[in-house]
Amino acid sequence: MIISELETRLGYRCVQSAYNDAPLAAGYTSDLLSDVMAHAEEGSVLVTIQAHRNAIAVASMTGIAAMVVCNSRPLPDDMMEAARDEHIAVFLTDKNQFTVSGEIYGKISTQ
């Protein structure tokens, strides 16, 4: 699965599209940013409710390629600006983390 398929196949709304479309290596679900730093794989998609600039900083440090922000959390302008600067794709959905994780796992694990 490539990053853009988070929108085209799974229906998550892309809210930051200045990224390099690439295959997703894995997914990681967490709302604890120190956990993400310790365990997320490079080239993965992060499933979270963390909607702030620090989440983008952690994604950049760990090489996360995309984020799906769940529960329709509002996304602040400084977060979107940081995501554009770091070329990290950001998607938004009203679904919860459990549902999104299952949907993504089903697509990535069948590659």
PDB file of N, CA and C in Angstrom:
ATOM      1  N   MET A   1       0.834  -1.169   0.000  1.00  0.00           N
ATOM      2  CA  MET A   1       0.000   0.000   0.000  1.00  0.00           C
ATOM      3  C   MET A   1       0.885   1.240   0.000  1.00  0.00           C
ATOM      4  N   ILE A   2       0.554   2.194  -0.861  1.00  0.00           N
ATOM      5  CA  ILE A   2       1.279   3.460  -0.860  1.00  0.00           C
ATOM      6  C   ILE A   2       0.492   4.500  -0.077  1.00  0.00           C
ATOM      7  N   ILE A   3       1.167   5.551   0.303  1.00  0.00           N
ATOM      8  CA  ILE A   3       0.571   6.565   1.180  1.00  0.00           C
ATOM      9  C   ILE A   3      -0.754   7.096   0.638  1.00  0.00           C
ATOM     10  N   SER A   4      -0.806   7.439  -0.643  1.00  0.00           N
ATOM     11  CA  SER A   4      -2.021   8.033  -1.200  1.00  0.00           C
ATOM     12  C   SER A   4      -3.227   7.107  -1.117  1.00  0.00           C
ATOM     13  N   GLU A   5      -2.989   5.809  -0.985  1.00  0.00           N
ATOM     14  CA  GLU A   5      -4.097   4.857  -0.877  1.00  0.00           C
ATOM     15  C   GLU A   5      -4.812   4.938   0.468  1.00  0.00           C
ATOM     16  N   LEU A   6      -4.214   5.629   1.439  1.00  0.00           N
ATOM     17  CA  LEU A   6      -4.944   5.884   2.683  1.00  0.00           C
ATOM     18  C   LEU A   6      -6.213   6.675   2.389  1.00  0.00           C
ATOM     19  N   GLU A   7      -6.148   7.501   1.350  1.00  0.00           N
ATOM     20  CA  GLU A   7      -7.327   8.260   0.932  1.00  0.00           C
ATOM     21  C   GLU A   7      -8.138   7.475  -0.097  1.00  0.00           C
ATOM     22  N   THR A   8      -7.479   6.997  -1.146  1.00  0.00           N
ATOM     23  CA  THR A   8      -8.226   6.403  -2.255  1.00  0.00           C
ATOM     24  C   THR A   8      -8.827   5.039  -1.925  1.00  0.00           C
ATOM     25  N   ARG A   9      -8.162   4.244  -1.100  1.00  0.00           N
ATOM     26  CA  ARG A   9      -8.680   2.919  -0.750  1.00  0.00           C
ATOM     27  C   ARG A   9      -9.418   2.879   0.571  1.00  0.00           C
ATOM     28  N   LEU A  10      -8.974   3.698   1.517  1.00  0.00           N
ATOM     29  CA  LEU A  10      -9.564   3.633   2.853  1.00  0.00           C
ATOM     30  C   LEU A  10     -10.468   4.812   3.184  1.00  0.00           C
ATOM     31  N   GLY A  11     -10.404   5.864   2.382  1.00  0.00           N
ATOM     32  CA  GLY A  11     -11.335   6.975   2.553  1.00  0.00           C
ATOM     33  C   GLY A  11     -10.980   7.994   3.608  1.00  0.00           C
ATOM     34  N   TYR A  12      -9.738   7.983   4.108  1.00  0.00           N
ATOM     35  CA  TYR A  12      -9.325   9.014   5.057  1.00  0.00           C
ATOM     36  C   TYR A  12      -9.081  10.300   4.275  1.00  0.00           C
ATOM     37  N   ARG A  13      -9.414  11.417   4.855  1.00  0.00           N
ATOM     38  CA  ARG A  13      -9.298  12.699   4.158  1.00  0.00           C
ATOM     39  C   ARG A  13      -7.871  13.241   4.280  1.00  0.00           C
ATOM     40  N   CYS A  14      -7.230  13.455   3.136  1.00  0.00           N
ATOM     41  CA  CYS A  14      -5.877  14.005   3.126  1.00  0.00           C
ATOM     42  C   CYS A  14      -5.954  15.499   3.412  1.00  0.00           C
ATOM     43  N   VAL A  15      -5.283  15.934   4.463  1.00  0.00           N
ATOM     44  CA  VAL A  15      -5.297  17.351   4.832  1.00  0.00           C
ATOM     45  C   VAL A  15      -3.918  17.999   4.679  1.00  0.00           C
ATOM     46  N   GLN A  16      -2.918  17.200   4.337  1.00  0.00           N
ATOM     47  CA  GLN A  16      -1.569  17.709   4.075  1.00  0.00           C
ATOM     48  C   GLN A  16      -0.992  16.827   2.976  1.00  0.00           C
ATOM     49  N   SER A  17      -0.984  17.373   1.766  1.00  0.00           N
ATOM     50  CA  SER A  17      -0.643  16.554   0.597  1.00  0.00           C
ATOM     51  C   SER A  17       0.733  16.847   0.001  1.00  0.00           C
ATOM     52  N   ALA A  18       1.553  17.635   0.671  1.00  0.00           N
ATOM     53  CA  ALA A  18       2.910  17.910   0.178  1.00  0.00           C
ATOM     54  C   ALA A  18       3.857  16.842   0.718  1.00  0.00           C
ATOM     55  N   TYR A  19       3.775  15.649   0.123  1.00  0.00           N
ATOM     56  CA  TYR A  19       4.601  14.522   0.558  1.00  0.00           C
ATOM     57  C   TYR A  19       5.013  13.714  -0.660  1.00  0.00           C
ATOM     58  N   ASN A  20       6.003  12.861  -0.478  1.00  0.00           N
ATOM     59  CA  ASN A  20       6.436  11.954  -1.532  1.00  0.00           C
ATOM     60  C   ASN A  20       5.667  10.652  -1.368  1.00  0.00           C
ATOM     61  N   ASP A  21       4.851  10.311  -2.354  1.00  0.00           N
ATOM     62  CA  ASP A  21       4.058   9.091  -2.279  1.00  0.00           C
ATOM     63  C   ASP A  21       4.992   7.891  -2.343  1.00  0.00           C
ATOM     64  N   ALA A  22       4.917   7.041  -1.356  1.00  0.00           N
ATOM     65  CA  ALA A  22       5.829   5.899  -1.263  1.00  0.00           C
ATOM     66  C   ALA A  22       5.111   4.742  -0.580  1.00  0.00           C
ATOM     67  N   PRO A  23       5.632   3.538  -0.730  1.00  0.00           N
ATOM     68  CA  PRO A  23       5.038   2.399  -0.029  1.00  0.00           C
ATOM     69  C   PRO A  23       5.163   2.566   1.485  1.00  0.00           C
ATOM     70  N   LEU A  24       4.148   2.114   2.198  1.00  0.00           N
ATOM     71  CA  LEU A  24       4.188   2.116   3.660  1.00  0.00           C
ATOM     72  C   LEU A  24       4.807   0.807   4.129  1.00  0.00           C
ATOM     73  N   ALA A  25       5.804   0.909   4.985  1.00  0.00           N
ATOM     74  CA  ALA A  25       6.511  -0.272   5.483  1.00  0.00           C
ATOM     75  C   ALA A  25       5.728  -0.983   6.575  1.00  0.00           C
ATOM     76  N   ALA A  26       5.001  -0.215   7.369  1.00  0.00           N
ATOM     77  CA  ALA A  26       4.295  -0.757   8.529  1.00  0.00           C
ATOM     78  C   ALA A  26       3.357   0.308   9.059  1.00  0.00           C
ATOM     79  N   GLY A  27       2.692  -0.009  10.139  1.00  0.00           N
ATOM     80  CA  GLY A  27       1.859   0.954  10.845  1.00  0.00           C
ATOM     81  C   GLY A  27       2.168   0.891  12.325  1.00  0.00           C
ATOM     82  N   TYR A  28       1.868   1.976  13.025  1.00  0.00           N
ATOM     83  CA  TYR A  28       2.063   2.003  14.472  1.00  0.00           C
ATOM     84  C   TYR A  28       0.960   2.850  15.072  1.00  0.00           C
ATOM     85  N   THR A  29       0.353   2.352  16.136  1.00  0.00           N
ATOM     86  CA  THR A  29      -0.727   3.068  16.807  1.00  0.00           C
ATOM     87  C   THR A  29      -0.312   3.390  18.227  1.00  0.00           C
ATOM     88  N   SER A  30      -0.300   4.675  18.540  1.00  0.00           N
ATOM     89  CA  SER A  30       0.019   5.102  19.898  1.00  0.00           C
ATOM     90  C   SER A  30      -0.306   6.584  20.051  1.00  0.00           C
ATOM     91  N   ASP A  31      -0.656   6.954  21.276  1.00  0.00           N
ATOM     92  CA  ASP A  31      -0.857   8.352  21.606  1.00  0.00           C
ATOM     93  C   ASP A  31       0.231   8.863  22.557  1.00  0.00           C
ATOM     94  N   LEU A  32       1.154   8.007  22.882  1.00  0.00           N
ATOM     95  CA  LEU A  32       2.274   8.364  23.751  1.00  0.00           C
ATOM     96  C   LEU A  32       3.497   8.563  22.866  1.00  0.00           C
ATOM     97  N   LEU A  33       3.916   9.808  22.704  1.00  0.00           N
ATOM     98  CA  LEU A  33       4.954  10.115  21.727  1.00  0.00           C
ATOM     99  C   LEU A  33       6.294   9.477  22.054  1.00  0.00           C
ATOM    100  N   SER A  34       6.619   9.291  23.318  1.00  0.00           N
ATOM    101  CA  SER A  34       7.867   8.608  23.658  1.00  0.00           C
ATOM    102  C   SER A  34       7.815   7.148  23.209  1.00  0.00           C
ATOM    103  N   ASP A  35       6.659   6.544  23.245  1.00  0.00           N
ATOM    104  CA  ASP A  35       6.478   5.180  22.753  1.00  0.00           C
ATOM    105  C   ASP A  35       6.681   5.133  21.243  1.00  0.00           C
ATOM    106  N   VAL A  36       6.145   6.115  20.553  1.00  0.00           N
ATOM    107  CA  VAL A  36       6.314   6.196  19.100  1.00  0.00           C
ATOM    108  C   VAL A  36       7.796   6.321  18.762  1.00  0.00           C
ATOM    109  N   MET A  37       8.510   7.186  19.464  1.00  0.00           N
ATOM    110  CA  MET A  37       9.953   7.359  19.209  1.00  0.00           C
ATOM    111  C   MET A  37      10.717   6.061  19.417  1.00  0.00           C
ATOM    112  N   ALA A  38      10.315   5.280  20.393  1.00  0.00           N
ATOM    113  CA  ALA A  38      11.044   4.057  20.722  1.00  0.00           C
ATOM    114  C   ALA A  38      10.714   2.890  19.801  1.00  0.00           C
ATOM    115  N   HIS A  39       9.512   2.889  19.185  1.00  0.00           N
ATOM    116  CA  HIS A  39       9.081   1.664  18.518  1.00  0.00           C
ATOM    117  C   HIS A  39       8.589   1.782  17.079  1.00  0.00           C
ATOM    118  N   ALA A  40       8.237   2.952  16.617  1.00  0.00           N
ATOM    119  CA  ALA A  40       7.707   3.071  15.246  1.00  0.00           C
ATOM    120  C   ALA A  40       8.816   2.846  14.223  1.00  0.00           C
ATOM    121  N   GLU A  41       8.463   2.190  13.132  1.00  0.00           N
ATOM    122  CA  GLU A  41       9.425   1.914  12.071  1.00  0.00           C
ATOM    123  C   GLU A  41       9.496   3.067  11.078  1.00  0.00           C
ATOM    124  N   GLU A  42      10.655   3.248  10.498  1.00  0.00           N
ATOM    125  CA  GLU A  42      10.819   4.223   9.431  1.00  0.00           C
ATOM    126  C   GLU A  42       9.912   3.820   8.261  1.00  0.00           C
ATOM    127  N   GLY A  43       9.293   4.805   7.640  1.00  0.00           N
ATOM    128  CA  GLY A  43       8.424   4.541   6.492  1.00  0.00           C
ATOM    129  C   GLY A  43       7.043   4.034   6.873  1.00  0.00           C
ATOM    130  N   SER A  44       6.682   4.195   8.133  1.00  0.00           N
ATOM    131  CA  SER A  44       5.392   3.690   8.603  1.00  0.00           C
ATOM    132  C   SER A  44       4.344   4.791   8.646  1.00  0.00           C
ATOM    133  N   VAL A  45       3.123   4.374   8.935  1.00  0.00           N
ATOM    134  CA  VAL A  45       2.025   5.306   9.158  1.00  0.00           C
ATOM    135  C   VAL A  45       1.689   5.272  10.645  1.00  0.00           C
ATOM    136  N   LEU A  46       1.546   6.437  11.244  1.00  0.00           N
ATOM    137  CA  LEU A  46       1.197   6.558  12.653  1.00  0.00           C
ATOM    138  C   LEU A  46      -0.294   6.812  12.766  1.00  0.00           C
ATOM    139  N   VAL A  47      -0.968   6.012  13.578  1.00  0.00           N
ATOM    140  CA  VAL A  47      -2.391   6.179  13.873  1.00  0.00           C
ATOM    141  C   VAL A  47      -2.470   6.742  15.285  1.00  0.00           C
ATOM    142  N   THR A  48      -3.111   7.918  15.440  1.00  0.00           N
ATOM    143  CA  THR A  48      -3.066   8.621  16.721  1.00  0.00           C
ATOM    144  C   THR A  48      -4.215   9.617  16.847  1.00  0.00           C
ATOM    145  N   ILE A  49      -4.369  10.152  18.047  1.00  0.00           N
ATOM    146  CA  ILE A  49      -5.241  11.316  18.246  1.00  0.00           C
ATOM    147  C   ILE A  49      -4.419  12.554  18.579  1.00  0.00           C
ATOM    148  N   GLN A  50      -3.105  12.408  18.609  1.00  0.00           N
ATOM    149  CA  GLN A  50      -2.228  13.535  18.907  1.00  0.00           C
ATOM    150  C   GLN A  50      -2.228  14.512  17.733  1.00  0.00           C
ATOM    151  N   ALA A  51      -2.796  15.673  17.938  1.00  0.00           N
ATOM    152  CA  ALA A  51      -2.935  16.660  16.873  1.00  0.00           C
ATOM    153  C   ALA A  51      -2.250  17.957  17.296  1.00  0.00           C
ATOM    154  N   HIS A  52      -0.921  17.919  17.256  1.00  0.00           N
ATOM    155  CA  HIS A  52      -0.140  19.109  17.586  1.00  0.00           C
ATOM    156  C   HIS A  52       1.241  19.007  16.949  1.00  0.00           C
ATOM    157  N   ARG A  53       1.943  20.091  16.983  1.00  0.00           N
ATOM    158  CA  ARG A  53       3.248  20.202  16.322  1.00  0.00           C
ATOM    159  C   ARG A  53       4.259  19.154  16.812  1.00  0.00           C
ATOM    160  N   ASN A  54       4.221  18.800  18.086  1.00  0.00           N
ATOM    161  CA  ASN A  54       5.168  17.824  18.622  1.00  0.00           C
ATOM    162  C   ASN A  54       4.996  16.446  17.988  1.00  0.00           C
ATOM    163  N   ALA A  55       3.783  16.111  17.599  1.00  0.00           N
ATOM    164  CA  ALA A  55       3.557  14.826  16.929  1.00  0.00           C
ATOM    165  C   ALA A  55       4.292  14.792  15.594  1.00  0.00           C
ATOM    166  N   ILE A  56       4.335  15.909  14.898  1.00  0.00           N
ATOM    167  CA  ILE A  56       5.073  15.991  13.632  1.00  0.00           C
ATOM    168  C   ILE A  56       6.569  15.904  13.897  1.00  0.00           C
ATOM    169  N   ALA A  57       7.046  16.536  14.953  1.00  0.00           N
ATOM    170  CA  ALA A  57       8.475  16.467  15.294  1.00  0.00           C
ATOM    171  C   ALA A  57       8.886  15.024  15.562  1.00  0.00           C
ATOM    172  N   VAL A  58       8.062  14.287  16.282  1.00  0.00           N
ATOM    173  CA  VAL A  58       8.361  12.879  16.564  1.00  0.00           C
ATOM    174  C   VAL A  58       8.314  12.067  15.272  1.00  0.00           C
ATOM    175  N   ALA A  59       7.333  12.327  14.435  1.00  0.00           N
ATOM    176  CA  ALA A  59       7.236  11.621  13.155  1.00  0.00           C
ATOM    177  C   ALA A  59       8.487  11.871  12.313  1.00  0.00           C
ATOM    178  N   SER A  60       8.941  13.091  12.282  1.00  0.00           N
ATOM    179  CA  SER A  60      10.135  13.439  11.515  1.00  0.00           C
ATOM    180  C   SER A  60      11.378  12.732  12.069  1.00  0.00           C
ATOM    181  N   MET A  61      11.522  12.723  13.385  1.00  0.00           N
ATOM    182  CA  MET A  61      12.682  12.089  14.031  1.00  0.00           C
ATOM    183  C   MET A  61      12.735  10.590  13.752  1.00  0.00           C
ATOM    184  N   THR A  62      11.590   9.953  13.669  1.00  0.00           N
ATOM    185  CA  THR A  62      11.548   8.498  13.520  1.00  0.00           C
ATOM    186  C   THR A  62      11.399   8.053  12.071  1.00  0.00           C
ATOM    187  N   GLY A  63      11.218   8.997  11.160  1.00  0.00           N
ATOM    188  CA  GLY A  63      11.075   8.638   9.755  1.00  0.00           C
ATOM    189  C   GLY A  63       9.685   8.182   9.372  1.00  0.00           C
ATOM    190  N   ILE A  64       8.692   8.522  10.179  1.00  0.00           N
ATOM    191  CA  ILE A  64       7.304   8.191   9.852  1.00  0.00           C
ATOM    192  C   ILE A  64       6.906   8.962   8.606  1.00  0.00           C
ATOM    193  N   ALA A  65       6.267   8.274   7.672  1.00  0.00           N
ATOM    194  CA  ALA A  65       5.925   8.886   6.388  1.00  0.00           C
ATOM    195  C   ALA A  65       4.551   9.532   6.380  1.00  0.00           C
ATOM    196  N   ALA A  66       3.643   9.045   7.238  1.00  0.00           N
ATOM    197  CA  ALA A  66       2.261   9.532   7.216  1.00  0.00           C
ATOM    198  C   ALA A  66       1.636   9.376   8.594  1.00  0.00           C
ATOM    199  N   MET A  67       0.637  10.206   8.838  1.00  0.00           N
ATOM    200  CA  MET A  67      -0.126  10.123  10.079  1.00  0.00           C
ATOM    201  C   MET A  67      -1.605  10.095   9.732  1.00  0.00           C
ATOM    202  N   VAL A  68      -2.362   9.302  10.491  1.00  0.00           N
ATOM    203  CA  VAL A  68      -3.820   9.348  10.431  1.00  0.00           C
ATOM    204  C   VAL A  68      -4.283   9.813  11.802  1.00  0.00           C
ATOM    205  N   VAL A  69      -4.894  10.986  11.835  1.00  0.00           N
ATOM    206  CA  VAL A  69      -5.415  11.540  13.078  1.00  0.00           C
ATOM    207  C   VAL A  69      -6.878  11.130  13.171  1.00  0.00           C
ATOM    208  N   CYS A  70      -7.208  10.460  14.260  1.00  0.00           N
ATOM    209  CA  CYS A  70      -8.535   9.871  14.432  1.00  0.00           C
ATOM    210  C   CYS A  70      -9.480  10.781  15.220  1.00  0.00           C
ATOM    211  N   ASN A  71     -10.736  10.374  15.253  1.00  0.00           N
ATOM    212  CA  ASN A  71     -11.790  11.049  16.012  1.00  0.00           C
ATOM    213  C   ASN A  71     -12.009  12.497  15.586  1.00  0.00           C
ATOM    214  N   SER A  72     -11.685  12.795  14.327  1.00  0.00           N
ATOM    215  CA  SER A  72     -11.894  14.149  13.765  1.00  0.00           C
ATOM    216  C   SER A  72     -11.324  15.246  14.647  1.00  0.00           C
ATOM    217  N   ARG A  73     -10.153  15.003  15.209  1.00  0.00           N
ATOM    218  CA  ARG A  73      -9.518  16.015  16.061  1.00  0.00           C
ATOM    219  C   ARG A  73      -9.199  17.257  15.235  1.00  0.00           C
ATOM    220  N   PRO A  74      -9.384  18.432  15.788  1.00  0.00           N
ATOM    221  CA  PRO A  74      -8.986  19.647  15.069  1.00  0.00           C
ATOM    222  C   PRO A  74      -7.469  19.692  14.909  1.00  0.00           C
ATOM    223  N   LEU A  75      -7.041  20.130  13.741  1.00  0.00           N
ATOM    224  CA  LEU A  75      -5.609  20.171  13.429  1.00  0.00           C
ATOM    225  C   LEU A  75      -5.137  21.617  13.380  1.00  0.00           C
ATOM    226  N   PRO A  76      -4.264  22.013  14.296  1.00  0.00           N
ATOM    227  CA  PRO A  76      -3.811  23.401  14.337  1.00  0.00           C
ATOM    228  C   PRO A  76      -2.918  23.752  13.147  1.00  0.00           C
ATOM    229  N   ASP A  77      -2.924  25.022  12.810  1.00  0.00           N
ATOM    230  CA  ASP A  77      -2.142  25.510  11.668  1.00  0.00           C
ATOM    231  C   ASP A  77      -0.649  25.212  11.812  1.00  0.00           C
ATOM    232  N   ASP A  78      -0.100  25.356  13.020  1.00  0.00           N
ATOM    233  CA  ASP A  78       1.337  25.115  13.174  1.00  0.00           C
ATOM    234  C   ASP A  78       1.685  23.638  12.965  1.00  0.00           C
ATOM    235  N   MET A  79       0.766  22.762  13.256  1.00  0.00           N
ATOM    236  CA  MET A  79       0.984  21.335  12.972  1.00  0.00           C
ATOM    237  C   MET A  79       1.024  21.096  11.467  1.00  0.00           C
ATOM    238  N   MET A  80       0.091  21.691  10.750  1.00  0.00           N
ATOM    239  CA  MET A  80       0.030  21.511   9.301  1.00  0.00           C
ATOM    240  C   MET A  80       1.255  22.126   8.620  1.00  0.00           C
ATOM    241  N   GLU A  81       1.699  23.271   9.122  1.00  0.00           N
ATOM    242  CA  GLU A  81       2.896  23.914   8.580  1.00  0.00           C
ATOM    243  C   GLU A  81       4.125  23.021   8.787  1.00  0.00           C
ATOM    244  N   ALA A  82       4.258  22.450   9.981  1.00  0.00           N
ATOM    245  CA  ALA A  82       5.388  21.562  10.258  1.00  0.00           C
ATOM    246  C   ALA A  82       5.325  20.314   9.376  1.00  0.00           C
ATOM    247  N   ALA A  83       4.144  19.758   9.181  1.00  0.00           N
ATOM    248  CA  ALA A  83       3.985  18.572   8.334  1.00  0.00           C
ATOM    249  C   ALA A  83       4.381  18.885   6.893  1.00  0.00           C
ATOM    250  N   ARG A  84       3.990  20.057   6.394  1.00  0.00           N
ATOM    251  CA  ARG A  84       4.395  20.471   5.038  1.00  0.00           C
ATOM    252  C   ARG A  84       5.914  20.600   4.955  1.00  0.00           C
ATOM    253  N   ASP A  85       6.495  21.251   5.939  1.00  0.00           N
ATOM    254  CA  ASP A  85       7.952  21.444   5.946  1.00  0.00           C
ATOM    255  C   ASP A  85       8.704  20.114   5.980  1.00  0.00           C
ATOM    256  N   GLU A  86       8.155  19.125   6.658  1.00  0.00           N
ATOM    257  CA  GLU A  86       8.816  17.825   6.810  1.00  0.00           C
ATOM    258  C   GLU A  86       8.335  16.799   5.773  1.00  0.00           C
ATOM    259  N   HIS A  87       7.397  17.186   4.915  1.00  0.00           N
ATOM    260  CA  HIS A  87       6.848  16.296   3.874  1.00  0.00           C
ATOM    261  C   HIS A  87       6.216  15.047   4.470  1.00  0.00           C
ATOM    262  N   ILE A  88       5.499  15.235   5.572  1.00  0.00           N
ATOM    263  CA  ILE A  88       4.777  14.135   6.210  1.00  0.00           C
ATOM    264  C   ILE A  88       3.307  14.264   5.842  1.00  0.00           C
ATOM    265  N   ALA A  89       2.758  13.219   5.253  1.00  0.00           N
ATOM    266  CA  ALA A  89       1.344  13.214   4.874  1.00  0.00           C
ATOM    267  C   ALA A  89       0.492  13.146   6.135  1.00  0.00           C
ATOM    268  N   VAL A  90      -0.604  13.911   6.140  1.00  0.00           N
ATOM    269  CA  VAL A  90      -1.519  13.882   7.275  1.00  0.00           C
ATOM    270  C   VAL A  90      -2.919  13.632   6.745  1.00  0.00           C
ATOM    271  N   PHE A  91      -3.579  12.658   7.363  1.00  0.00           N
ATOM    272  CA  PHE A  91      -4.940  12.288   7.001  1.00  0.00           C
ATOM    273  C   PHE A  91      -5.818  12.422   8.235  1.00  0.00           C
ATOM    274  N   LEU A  92      -7.089  12.664   8.020  1.00  0.00           N
ATOM    275  CA  LEU A  92      -8.047  12.857   9.103  1.00  0.00           C
ATOM    276  C   LEU A  92      -9.219  11.915   8.888  1.00  0.00           C
ATOM    277  N   THR A  93      -9.726  11.348   9.982  1.00  0.00           N
ATOM    278  CA  THR A  93     -10.898  10.487   9.924  1.00  0.00           C
ATOM    279  C   THR A  93     -11.714  10.639  11.199  1.00  0.00           C
ATOM    280  N   ASP A  94     -12.993  10.333  11.093  1.00  0.00           N
ATOM    281  CA  ASP A  94     -13.837  10.347  12.284  1.00  0.00           C
ATOM    282  C   ASP A  94     -13.808   8.998  13.005  1.00  0.00           C
ATOM    283  N   LYS A  95     -13.154   8.017  12.424  1.00  0.00           N
ATOM    284  CA  LYS A  95     -13.053   6.688  13.033  1.00  0.00           C
ATOM    285  C   LYS A  95     -12.076   6.708  14.206  1.00  0.00           C
ATOM    286  N   ASN A  96     -12.186   5.689  15.081  1.00  0.00           N
ATOM    287  CA  ASN A  96     -11.271   5.605  16.218  1.00  0.00           C
ATOM    288  C   ASN A  96     -10.015   4.821  15.850  1.00  0.00           C
ATOM    289  N   GLN A  97      -9.031   4.829  16.739  1.00  0.00           N
ATOM    290  CA  GLN A  97      -7.738   4.217  16.467  1.00  0.00           C
ATOM    291  C   GLN A  97      -7.836   2.704  16.250  1.00  0.00           C
ATOM    292  N   PHE A  98      -8.710   2.038  16.970  1.00  0.00           N
ATOM    293  CA  PHE A  98      -8.855   0.597  16.836  1.00  0.00           C
ATOM    294  C   PHE A  98      -9.323   0.245  15.422  1.00  0.00           C
ATOM    295  N   THR A  99     -10.341   0.929  14.957  1.00  0.00           N
ATOM    296  CA  THR A  99     -10.885   0.672  13.629  1.00  0.00           C
ATOM    297  C   THR A  99      -9.858   0.975  12.548  1.00  0.00           C
ATOM    298  N   VAL A 100      -9.226   2.134  12.639  1.00  0.00           N
ATOM    299  CA  VAL A 100      -8.238   2.543  11.634  1.00  0.00           C
ATOM    300  C   VAL A 100      -7.056   1.575  11.617  1.00  0.00           C
ATOM    301  N   SER A 101      -6.595   1.158  12.774  1.00  0.00           N
ATOM    302  CA  SER A 101      -5.478   0.219  12.842  1.00  0.00           C
ATOM    303  C   SER A 101      -5.821  -1.079  12.124  1.00  0.00           C
ATOM    304  N   GLY A 102      -7.013  -1.571  12.340  1.00  0.00           N
ATOM    305  CA  GLY A 102      -7.440  -2.797  11.672  1.00  0.00           C
ATOM    306  C   GLY A 102      -7.529  -2.635  10.172  1.00  0.00           C
ATOM    307  N   GLU A 103      -8.060  -1.508   9.731  1.00  0.00           N
ATOM    308  CA  GLU A 103      -8.174  -1.257   8.290  1.00  0.00           C
ATOM    309  C   GLU A 103      -6.799  -1.186   7.632  1.00  0.00           C
ATOM    310  N   ILE A 104      -5.894  -0.481   8.257  1.00  0.00           N
ATOM    311  CA  ILE A 104      -4.547  -0.338   7.687  1.00  0.00           C
ATOM    312  C   ILE A 104      -3.799  -1.666   7.753  1.00  0.00           C
ATOM    313  N   TYR A 105      -3.888  -2.355   8.853  1.00  0.00           N
ATOM    314  CA  TYR A 105      -3.199  -3.640   8.982  1.00  0.00           C
ATOM    315  C   TYR A 105      -3.647  -4.592   7.875  1.00  0.00           C
ATOM    316  N   GLY A 106      -4.927  -4.617   7.609  1.00  0.00           N
ATOM    317  CA  GLY A 106      -5.438  -5.494   6.566  1.00  0.00           C
ATOM    318  C   GLY A 106      -4.878  -5.189   5.191  1.00  0.00           C
ATOM    319  N   LYS A 107      -4.554  -3.952   4.915  1.00  0.00           N
ATOM    320  CA  LYS A 107      -4.005  -3.560   3.619  1.00  0.00           C
ATOM    321  C   LYS A 107      -2.494  -3.724   3.556  1.00  0.00           C
ATOM    322  N   ILE A 108      -1.781  -3.360   4.610  1.00  0.00           N
ATOM    323  CA  ILE A 108      -0.323  -3.455   4.595  1.00  0.00           C
ATOM    324  C   ILE A 108       0.115  -4.914   4.698  1.00  0.00           C
ATOM    325  N   SER A 109      -0.564  -5.714   5.495  1.00  0.00           N
ATOM    326  CA  SER A 109      -0.126  -7.094   5.686  1.00  0.00           C
ATOM    327  C   SER A 109      -0.371  -7.974   4.458  1.00  0.00           C
ATOM    328  N   THR A 110      -1.151  -7.490   3.493  1.00  0.00           N
ATOM    329  CA  THR A 110      -1.419  -8.280   2.292  1.00  0.00           C
ATOM    330  C   THR A 110      -0.554  -7.840   1.118  1.00  0.00           C
ATOM    331  N   GLN A 111       0.453  -7.011   1.360  1.00  0.00           N
ATOM    332  CA  GLN A 111       1.334  -6.550   0.279  1.00  0.00           C
ATOM    333  C   GLN A 111       2.150  -7.680  -0.282  1.00  0.00           C
TER     334      GLN A 111
END
